[in-house]
Amino acid sequence: MLGALHAFRIYRAVRFLFLAPFILLICFVVNWMTTPGQWWVQWAALGLGIAWVLCLLRVLRAIVILGGIAALAAYLSQRKTPAP
């Protein structure tokens, strides 16, 4: 059960990495069309940027862990087979 929870968190993080720029673009367009003299979108960009970096770190950590497990499995599978 715990593994499924972590997989879902990583899925949400990957999805947010692609979704956040579109959210920011929509906020920018709304800001530009409604109040072009006051750029409140910078605060949304700051918050989304912090969340985006944290999601990126979560995804990179998962990639490193999965890569390490794959490398260990490859090493162990080669070690068990006898040399010709």
PDB file of N, CA and C in Angstrom:
ATOM      1  N   MET A   1       0.824  -1.197   0.000  1.00  0.00           N
ATOM      2  CA  MET A   1       0.000   0.000   0.000  1.00  0.00           C
ATOM      3  C   MET A   1       0.867   1.260   0.000  1.00  0.00           C
ATOM      4  N   LEU A   2       1.959   1.198   0.743  1.00  0.00           N
ATOM      5  CA  LEU A   2       2.820   2.372   0.813  1.00  0.00           C
ATOM      6  C   LEU A   2       3.493   2.657  -0.524  1.00  0.00           C
ATOM      7  N   GLY A   3       3.842   1.598  -1.272  1.00  0.00           N
ATOM      8  CA  GLY A   3       4.458   1.781  -2.578  1.00  0.00           C
ATOM      9  C   GLY A   3       3.512   2.440  -3.566  1.00  0.00           C
ATOM     10  N   ALA A   4       2.225   2.092  -3.486  1.00  0.00           N
ATOM     11  CA  ALA A   4       1.246   2.705  -4.376  1.00  0.00           C
ATOM     12  C   ALA A   4       1.091   4.181  -4.073  1.00  0.00           C
ATOM     13  N   LEU A   5       1.181   4.543  -2.796  1.00  0.00           N
ATOM     14  CA  LEU A   5       1.077   5.947  -2.408  1.00  0.00           C
ATOM     15  C   LEU A   5       2.256   6.745  -2.960  1.00  0.00           C
ATOM     16  N   HIS A   6       3.453   6.170  -2.884  1.00  0.00           N
ATOM     17  CA  HIS A   6       4.623   6.859  -3.425  1.00  0.00           C
ATOM     18  C   HIS A   6       4.544   6.973  -4.943  1.00  0.00           C
ATOM     19  N   ALA A   7       4.061   5.935  -5.587  1.00  0.00           N
ATOM     20  CA  ALA A   7       3.924   5.981  -7.052  1.00  0.00           C
ATOM     21  C   ALA A   7       2.917   7.052  -7.448  1.00  0.00           C
ATOM     22  N   PHE A   8       1.830   7.186  -6.700  1.00  0.00           N
ATOM     23  CA  PHE A   8       0.838   8.212  -7.004  1.00  0.00           C
ATOM     24  C   PHE A   8       1.407   9.604  -6.784  1.00  0.00           C
ATOM     25  N   ARG A   9       2.215   9.776  -5.742  1.00  0.00           N
ATOM     26  CA  ARG A   9       2.856  11.082  -5.512  1.00  0.00           C
ATOM     27  C   ARG A   9       3.802  11.447  -6.642  1.00  0.00           C
ATOM     28  N   ILE A  10       4.552  10.470  -7.125  1.00  0.00           N
ATOM     29  CA  ILE A  10       5.475  10.729  -8.229  1.00  0.00           C
ATOM     30  C   ILE A  10       4.697  11.034  -9.506  1.00  0.00           C
ATOM     31  N   TYR A  11       3.596  10.315  -9.729  1.00  0.00           N
ATOM     32  CA  TYR A  11       2.750  10.590 -10.892  1.00  0.00           C
ATOM     33  C   TYR A  11       2.223  12.023 -10.840  1.00  0.00           C
ATOM     34  N   ARG A  12       1.747  12.445  -9.653  1.00  0.00           N
ATOM     35  CA  ARG A  12       1.251  13.821  -9.521  1.00  0.00           C
ATOM     36  C   ARG A  12       2.361  14.830  -9.739  1.00  0.00           C
ATOM     37  N   ALA A  13       3.568  14.527  -9.274  1.00  0.00           N
ATOM     38  CA  ALA A  13       4.695  15.437  -9.460  1.00  0.00           C
ATOM     39  C   ALA A  13       5.051  15.579 -10.937  1.00  0.00           C
ATOM     40  N   VAL A  14       5.067  14.463 -11.663  1.00  0.00           N
ATOM     41  CA  VAL A  14       5.370  14.520 -13.101  1.00  0.00           C
ATOM     42  C   VAL A  14       4.285  15.302 -13.828  1.00  0.00           C
ATOM     43  N   ARG A  15       3.034  15.055 -13.465  1.00  0.00           N
ATOM     44  CA  ARG A  15       1.928  15.765 -14.102  1.00  0.00           C
ATOM     45  C   ARG A  15       2.028  17.270 -13.836  1.00  0.00           C
ATOM     46  N   PHE A  16       2.409  17.646 -12.611  1.00  0.00           N
ATOM     47  CA  PHE A  16       2.531  19.061 -12.272  1.00  0.00           C
ATOM     48  C   PHE A  16       3.665  19.728 -13.042  1.00  0.00           C
ATOM     49  N   LEU A  17       4.733  18.978 -13.342  1.00  0.00           N
ATOM     50  CA  LEU A  17       5.842  19.558 -14.100  1.00  0.00           C
ATOM     51  C   LEU A  17       5.389  20.037 -15.473  1.00  0.00           C
ATOM     52  N   PHE A  18       4.401  19.367 -16.052  1.00  0.00           N
ATOM     53  CA  PHE A  18       3.883  19.781 -17.345  1.00  0.00           C
ATOM     54  C   PHE A  18       2.695  20.733 -17.224  1.00  0.00           C
ATOM     55  N   LEU A  19       1.962  20.650 -16.131  1.00  0.00           N
ATOM     56  CA  LEU A  19       0.754  21.451 -15.960  1.00  0.00           C
ATOM     57  C   LEU A  19       1.044  22.866 -15.455  1.00  0.00           C
ATOM     58  N   ALA A  20       2.042  23.030 -14.624  1.00  0.00           N
ATOM     59  CA  ALA A  20       2.340  24.335 -14.020  1.00  0.00           C
ATOM     60  C   ALA A  20       2.634  25.435 -15.044  1.00  0.00           C
ATOM     61  N   PRO A  21       3.417  25.177 -16.100  1.00  0.00           N
ATOM     62  CA  PRO A  21       3.628  26.257 -17.079  1.00  0.00           C
ATOM     63  C   PRO A  21       2.340  26.717 -17.755  1.00  0.00           C
ATOM     64  N   PHE A  22       1.413  25.790 -18.000  1.00  0.00           N
ATOM     65  CA  PHE A  22       0.134  26.181 -18.607  1.00  0.00           C
ATOM     66  C   PHE A  22      -0.707  27.011 -17.637  1.00  0.00           C
ATOM     67  N   ILE A  23      -0.686  26.650 -16.364  1.00  0.00           N
ATOM     68  CA  ILE A  23      -1.395  27.438 -15.354  1.00  0.00           C
ATOM     69  C   ILE A  23      -0.816  28.845 -15.287  1.00  0.00           C
ATOM     70  N   LEU A  24       0.503  28.933 -15.305  1.00  0.00           N
ATOM     71  CA  LEU A  24       1.152  30.238 -15.259  1.00  0.00           C
ATOM     72  C   LEU A  24       0.851  31.050 -16.514  1.00  0.00           C
ATOM     73  N   LEU A  25       0.796  30.404 -17.655  1.00  0.00           N
ATOM     74  CA  LEU A  25       0.460  31.101 -18.890  1.00  0.00           C
ATOM     75  C   LEU A  25      -0.960  31.666 -18.831  1.00  0.00           C
ATOM     76  N   ILE A  26      -1.888  30.892 -18.307  1.00  0.00           N
ATOM     77  CA  ILE A  26      -3.264  31.381 -18.162  1.00  0.00           C
ATOM     78  C   ILE A  26      -3.314  32.558 -17.207  1.00  0.00           C
ATOM     79  N   CYS A  27      -2.591  32.470 -16.093  1.00  0.00           N
ATOM     80  CA  CYS A  27      -2.550  33.596 -15.150  1.00  0.00           C
ATOM     81  C   CYS A  27      -1.945  34.834 -15.803  1.00  0.00           C
ATOM     82  N   PHE A  28      -0.910  34.648 -16.612  1.00  0.00           N
ATOM     83  CA  PHE A  28      -0.288  35.779 -17.297  1.00  0.00           C
ATOM     84  C   PHE A  28      -1.256  36.443 -18.264  1.00  0.00           C
ATOM     85  N   VAL A  29      -1.986  35.636 -19.027  1.00  0.00           N
ATOM     86  CA  VAL A  29      -2.947  36.187 -19.990  1.00  0.00           C
ATOM     87  C   VAL A  29      -4.065  36.931 -19.261  1.00  0.00           C
ATOM     88  N   VAL A  30      -4.563  36.364 -18.173  1.00  0.00           N
ATOM     89  CA  VAL A  30      -5.615  37.036 -17.401  1.00  0.00           C
ATOM     90  C   VAL A  30      -5.088  38.344 -16.827  1.00  0.00           C
ATOM     91  N   ASN A  31      -3.880  38.348 -16.305  1.00  0.00           N
ATOM     92  CA  ASN A  31      -3.290  39.568 -15.765  1.00  0.00           C
ATOM     93  C   ASN A  31      -3.085  40.608 -16.859  1.00  0.00           C
ATOM     94  N   TRP A  32      -2.623  40.197 -18.014  1.00  0.00           N
ATOM     95  CA  TRP A  32      -2.364  41.107 -19.115  1.00  0.00           C
ATOM     96  C   TRP A  32      -3.661  41.727 -19.638  1.00  0.00           C
ATOM     97  N   MET A  33      -4.740  40.930 -19.645  1.00  0.00           N
ATOM     98  CA  MET A  33      -6.008  41.432 -20.179  1.00  0.00           C
ATOM     99  C   MET A  33      -6.780  42.282 -19.171  1.00  0.00           C
ATOM    100  N   THR A  34      -6.618  42.029 -17.891  1.00  0.00           N
ATOM    101  CA  THR A  34      -7.414  42.749 -16.897  1.00  0.00           C
ATOM    102  C   THR A  34      -6.688  43.957 -16.328  1.00  0.00           C
ATOM    103  N   THR A  35      -5.497  43.762 -15.813  1.00  0.00           N
ATOM    104  CA  THR A  35      -4.761  44.877 -15.200  1.00  0.00           C
ATOM    105  C   THR A  35      -3.319  44.865 -15.696  1.00  0.00           C
ATOM    106  N   PRO A  36      -3.062  45.405 -16.901  1.00  0.00           N
ATOM    107  CA  PRO A  36      -1.705  45.337 -17.445  1.00  0.00           C
ATOM    108  C   PRO A  36      -0.693  46.189 -16.683  1.00  0.00           C
ATOM    109  N   GLY A  37      -1.145  47.178 -15.922  1.00  0.00           N
ATOM    110  CA  GLY A  37      -0.208  48.026 -15.184  1.00  0.00           C
ATOM    111  C   GLY A  37       0.250  47.413 -13.878  1.00  0.00           C
ATOM    112  N   GLN A  38      -0.514  46.476 -13.347  1.00  0.00           N
ATOM    113  CA  GLN A  38      -0.173  45.825 -12.084  1.00  0.00           C
ATOM    114  C   GLN A  38       0.104  44.354 -12.352  1.00  0.00           C
ATOM    115  N   TRP A  39       1.329  43.951 -12.146  1.00  0.00           N
ATOM    116  CA  TRP A  39       1.713  42.580 -12.479  1.00  0.00           C
ATOM    117  C   TRP A  39       1.666  41.705 -11.232  1.00  0.00           C
ATOM    118  N   TRP A  40       0.472  41.268 -10.863  1.00  0.00           N
ATOM    119  CA  TRP A  40       0.300  40.360  -9.738  1.00  0.00           C
ATOM    120  C   TRP A  40       0.701  38.939 -10.099  1.00  0.00           C
ATOM    121  N   VAL A  41       0.861  38.660 -11.390  1.00  0.00           N
ATOM    122  CA  VAL A  41       1.204  37.316 -11.830  1.00  0.00           C
ATOM    123  C   VAL A  41       2.585  36.895 -11.333  1.00  0.00           C
ATOM    124  N   GLN A  42       3.400  37.852 -10.950  1.00  0.00           N
ATOM    125  CA  GLN A  42       4.730  37.511 -10.448  1.00  0.00           C
ATOM    126  C   GLN A  42       4.648  36.702  -9.159  1.00  0.00           C
ATOM    127  N   TRP A  43       3.622  36.941  -8.347  1.00  0.00           N
ATOM    128  CA  TRP A  43       3.476  36.199  -7.097  1.00  0.00           C
ATOM    129  C   TRP A  43       2.987  34.778  -7.375  1.00  0.00           C
ATOM    130  N   ALA A  44       2.137  34.644  -8.366  1.00  0.00           N
ATOM    131  CA  ALA A  44       1.723  33.299  -8.775  1.00  0.00           C
ATOM    132  C   ALA A  44       2.915  32.541  -9.363  1.00  0.00           C
ATOM    133  N   ALA A  45       3.756  33.244 -10.119  1.00  0.00           N
ATOM    134  CA  ALA A  45       4.942  32.612 -10.695  1.00  0.00           C
ATOM    135  C   ALA A  45       5.910  32.176  -9.598  1.00  0.00           C
ATOM    136  N   LEU A  46       6.039  32.970  -8.555  1.00  0.00           N
ATOM    137  CA  LEU A  46       6.921  32.612  -7.448  1.00  0.00           C
ATOM    138  C   LEU A  46       6.421  31.342  -6.755  1.00  0.00           C
ATOM    139  N   GLY A  47       5.148  31.297  -6.442  1.00  0.00           N
ATOM    140  CA  GLY A  47       4.594  30.121  -5.774  1.00  0.00           C
ATOM    141  C   GLY A  47       4.645  28.880  -6.644  1.00  0.00           C
ATOM    142  N   LEU A  48       4.264  29.028  -7.914  1.00  0.00           N
ATOM    143  CA  LEU A  48       4.328  27.886  -8.823  1.00  0.00           C
ATOM    144  C   LEU A  48       5.774  27.450  -9.075  1.00  0.00           C
ATOM    145  N   GLY A  49       6.685  28.403  -9.097  1.00  0.00           N
ATOM    146  CA  GLY A  49       8.094  28.060  -9.308  1.00  0.00           C
ATOM    147  C   GLY A  49       8.668  27.249  -8.155  1.00  0.00           C
ATOM    148  N   ILE A  50       8.329  27.636  -6.942  1.00  0.00           N
ATOM    149  CA  ILE A  50       8.795  26.876  -5.778  1.00  0.00           C
ATOM    150  C   ILE A  50       8.216  25.463  -5.804  1.00  0.00           C
ATOM    151  N   ALA A  51       6.918  25.354  -6.072  1.00  0.00           N
ATOM    152  CA  ALA A  51       6.277  24.039  -6.138  1.00  0.00           C
ATOM    153  C   ALA A  51       6.852  23.214  -7.285  1.00  0.00           C
ATOM    154  N   TRP A  52       7.161  23.855  -8.413  1.00  0.00           N
ATOM    155  CA  TRP A  52       7.704  23.152  -9.570  1.00  0.00           C
ATOM    156  C   TRP A  52       9.082  22.575  -9.257  1.00  0.00           C
ATOM    157  N   VAL A  53       9.922  23.353  -8.584  1.00  0.00           N
ATOM    158  CA  VAL A  53      11.265  22.871  -8.226  1.00  0.00           C
ATOM    159  C   VAL A  53      11.169  21.695  -7.250  1.00  0.00           C
ATOM    160  N   LEU A  54      10.270  21.776  -6.283  1.00  0.00           N
ATOM    161  CA  LEU A  54      10.107  20.670  -5.339  1.00  0.00           C
ATOM    162  C   LEU A  54       9.624  19.403  -6.046  1.00  0.00           C
ATOM    163  N   CYS A  55       8.707  19.544  -6.990  1.00  0.00           N
ATOM    164  CA  CYS A  55       8.252  18.388  -7.767  1.00  0.00           C
ATOM    165  C   CYS A  55       9.371  17.837  -8.630  1.00  0.00           C
ATOM    166  N   LEU A  56      10.175  18.713  -9.203  1.00  0.00           N
ATOM    167  CA  LEU A  56      11.300  18.266 -10.012  1.00  0.00           C
ATOM    168  C   LEU A  56      12.282  17.461  -9.170  1.00  0.00           C
ATOM    169  N   LEU A  57      12.557  17.909  -7.957  1.00  0.00           N
ATOM    170  CA  LEU A  57      13.461  17.172  -7.075  1.00  0.00           C
ATOM    171  C   LEU A  57      12.875  15.816  -6.696  1.00  0.00           C
ATOM    172  N   ARG A  58      11.567  15.754  -6.478  1.00  0.00           N
ATOM    173  CA  ARG A  58      10.925  14.468  -6.157  1.00  0.00           C
ATOM    174  C   ARG A  58      11.055  13.500  -7.329  1.00  0.00           C
ATOM    175  N   VAL A  59      10.848  13.992  -8.547  1.00  0.00           N
ATOM    176  CA  VAL A  59      10.943  13.125  -9.727  1.00  0.00           C
ATOM    177  C   VAL A  59      12.391  12.695  -9.954  1.00  0.00           C
ATOM    178  N   LEU A  60      13.336  13.597  -9.797  1.00  0.00           N
ATOM    179  CA  LEU A  60      14.747  13.236  -9.978  1.00  0.00           C
ATOM    180  C   LEU A  60      15.186  12.208  -8.946  1.00  0.00           C
ATOM    181  N   ARG A  61      14.710  12.340  -7.718  1.00  0.00           N
ATOM    182  CA  ARG A  61      15.048  11.363  -6.679  1.00  0.00           C
ATOM    183  C   ARG A  61      14.509   9.985  -7.056  1.00  0.00           C
ATOM    184  N   ALA A  62      13.292   9.943  -7.574  1.00  0.00           N
ATOM    185  CA  ALA A  62      12.708   8.666  -7.986  1.00  0.00           C
ATOM    186  C   ALA A  62      13.495   8.063  -9.155  1.00  0.00           C
ATOM    187  N   ILE A  63      13.949   8.895 -10.081  1.00  0.00           N
ATOM    188  CA  ILE A  63      14.726   8.396 -11.219  1.00  0.00           C
ATOM    189  C   ILE A  63      16.056   7.818 -10.742  1.00  0.00           C
ATOM    190  N   VAL A  64      16.697   8.503  -9.808  1.00  0.00           N
ATOM    191  CA  VAL A  64      17.981   8.014  -9.289  1.00  0.00           C
ATOM    192  C   VAL A  64      17.787   6.693  -8.554  1.00  0.00           C
ATOM    193  N   ILE A  65      16.738   6.592  -7.752  1.00  0.00           N
ATOM    194  CA  ILE A  65      16.480   5.354  -7.017  1.00  0.00           C
ATOM    195  C   ILE A  65      16.178   4.208  -7.979  1.00  0.00           C
ATOM    196  N   LEU A  66      15.313   4.447  -8.972  1.00  0.00           N
ATOM    197  CA  LEU A  66      14.989   3.397  -9.936  1.00  0.00           C
ATOM    198  C   LEU A  66      16.203   3.004 -10.777  1.00  0.00           C
ATOM    199  N   GLY A  67      17.021   3.982 -11.109  1.00  0.00           N
ATOM    200  CA  GLY A  67      18.247   3.673 -11.852  1.00  0.00           C
ATOM    201  C   GLY A  67      19.206   2.838 -11.022  1.00  0.00           C
ATOM    202  N   GLY A  68      19.311   3.134  -9.740  1.00  0.00           N
ATOM    203  CA  GLY A  68      20.175   2.342  -8.854  1.00  0.00           C
ATOM    204  C   GLY A  68      19.670   0.923  -8.706  1.00  0.00           C
ATOM    205  N   ILE A  69      18.357   0.757  -8.597  1.00  0.00           N
ATOM    206  CA  ILE A  69      17.786  -0.588  -8.495  1.00  0.00           C
ATOM    207  C   ILE A  69      18.016  -1.360  -9.792  1.00  0.00           C
ATOM    208  N   ALA A  70      17.840  -0.696 -10.928  1.00  0.00           N
ATOM    209  CA  ALA A  70      18.074  -1.356 -12.216  1.00  0.00           C
ATOM    210  C   ALA A  70      19.540  -1.743 -12.373  1.00  0.00           C
ATOM    211  N   ALA A  71      20.450  -0.879 -11.956  1.00  0.00           N
ATOM    212  CA  ALA A  71      21.880  -1.191 -12.049  1.00  0.00           C
ATOM    213  C   ALA A  71      22.233  -2.355 -11.130  1.00  0.00           C
ATOM    214  N   LEU A  72      21.664  -2.390  -9.941  1.00  0.00           N
ATOM    215  CA  LEU A  72      21.922  -3.490  -9.018  1.00  0.00           C
ATOM    216  C   LEU A  72      21.385  -4.803  -9.581  1.00  0.00           C
ATOM    217  N   ALA A  73      20.195  -4.755 -10.161  1.00  0.00           N
ATOM    218  CA  ALA A  73      19.623  -5.967 -10.752  1.00  0.00           C
ATOM    219  C   ALA A  73      20.476  -6.451 -11.923  1.00  0.00           C
ATOM    220  N   ALA A  74      20.970  -5.545 -12.747  1.00  0.00           N
ATOM    221  CA  ALA A  74      21.823  -5.938 -13.870  1.00  0.00           C
ATOM    222  C   ALA A  74      23.135  -6.533 -13.375  1.00  0.00           C
ATOM    223  N   TYR A  75      23.691  -5.939 -12.345  1.00  0.00           N
ATOM    224  CA  TYR A  75      24.943  -6.455 -11.779  1.00  0.00           C
ATOM    225  C   TYR A  75      24.743  -7.848 -11.202  1.00  0.00           C
ATOM    226  N   LEU A  76      23.672  -8.036 -10.458  1.00  0.00           N
ATOM    227  CA  LEU A  76      23.417  -9.335  -9.846  1.00  0.00           C
ATOM    228  C   LEU A  76      23.087 -10.399 -10.886  1.00  0.00           C
ATOM    229  N   SER A  77      22.392 -10.024 -11.951  1.00  0.00           N
ATOM    230  CA  SER A  77      22.077 -11.016 -12.989  1.00  0.00           C
ATOM    231  C   SER A  77      23.333 -11.431 -13.752  1.00  0.00           C
ATOM    232  N   GLN A  78      24.276 -10.541 -13.956  1.00  0.00           N
ATOM    233  CA  GLN A  78      25.531 -10.889 -14.633  1.00  0.00           C
ATOM    234  C   GLN A  78      26.440 -11.690 -13.718  1.00  0.00           C
ATOM    235  N   ARG A  79      26.350 -11.446 -12.446  1.00  0.00           N
ATOM    236  CA  ARG A  79      27.207 -12.114 -11.482  1.00  0.00           C
ATOM    237  C   ARG A  79      26.817 -13.586 -11.317  1.00  0.00           C
ATOM    238  N   LYS A  80      25.532 -13.872 -11.459  1.00  0.00           N
ATOM    239  CA  LYS A  80      25.066 -15.247 -11.274  1.00  0.00           C
ATOM    240  C   LYS A  80      25.358 -16.146 -12.462  1.00  0.00           C
ATOM    241  N   THR A  81      25.447 -15.570 -13.647  1.00  0.00           N
ATOM    242  CA  THR A  81      25.698 -16.396 -14.831  1.00  0.00           C
ATOM    243  C   THR A  81      27.187 -16.740 -14.897  1.00  0.00           C
ATOM    244  N   PRO A  82      27.512 -18.022 -15.122  1.00  0.00           N
ATOM    245  CA  PRO A  82      28.925 -18.400 -15.207  1.00  0.00           C
ATOM    246  C   PRO A  82      29.567 -17.907 -16.498  1.00  0.00           C
ATOM    247  N   ALA A  83      30.819 -17.597 -16.426  1.00  0.00           N
ATOM    248  CA  ALA A  83      31.556 -17.134 -17.593  1.00  0.00           C
ATOM    249  C   ALA A  83      31.824 -18.311 -18.517  1.00  0.00           C
ATOM    250  N   PRO A  84      31.732 -18.115 -19.851  1.00  0.00           N
ATOM    251  CA  PRO A  84      31.979 -19.234 -20.793  1.00  0.00           C
ATOM    252  C   PRO A  84      33.428 -19.598 -20.906  1.00  0.00           C
TER     253      PRO A  84
END
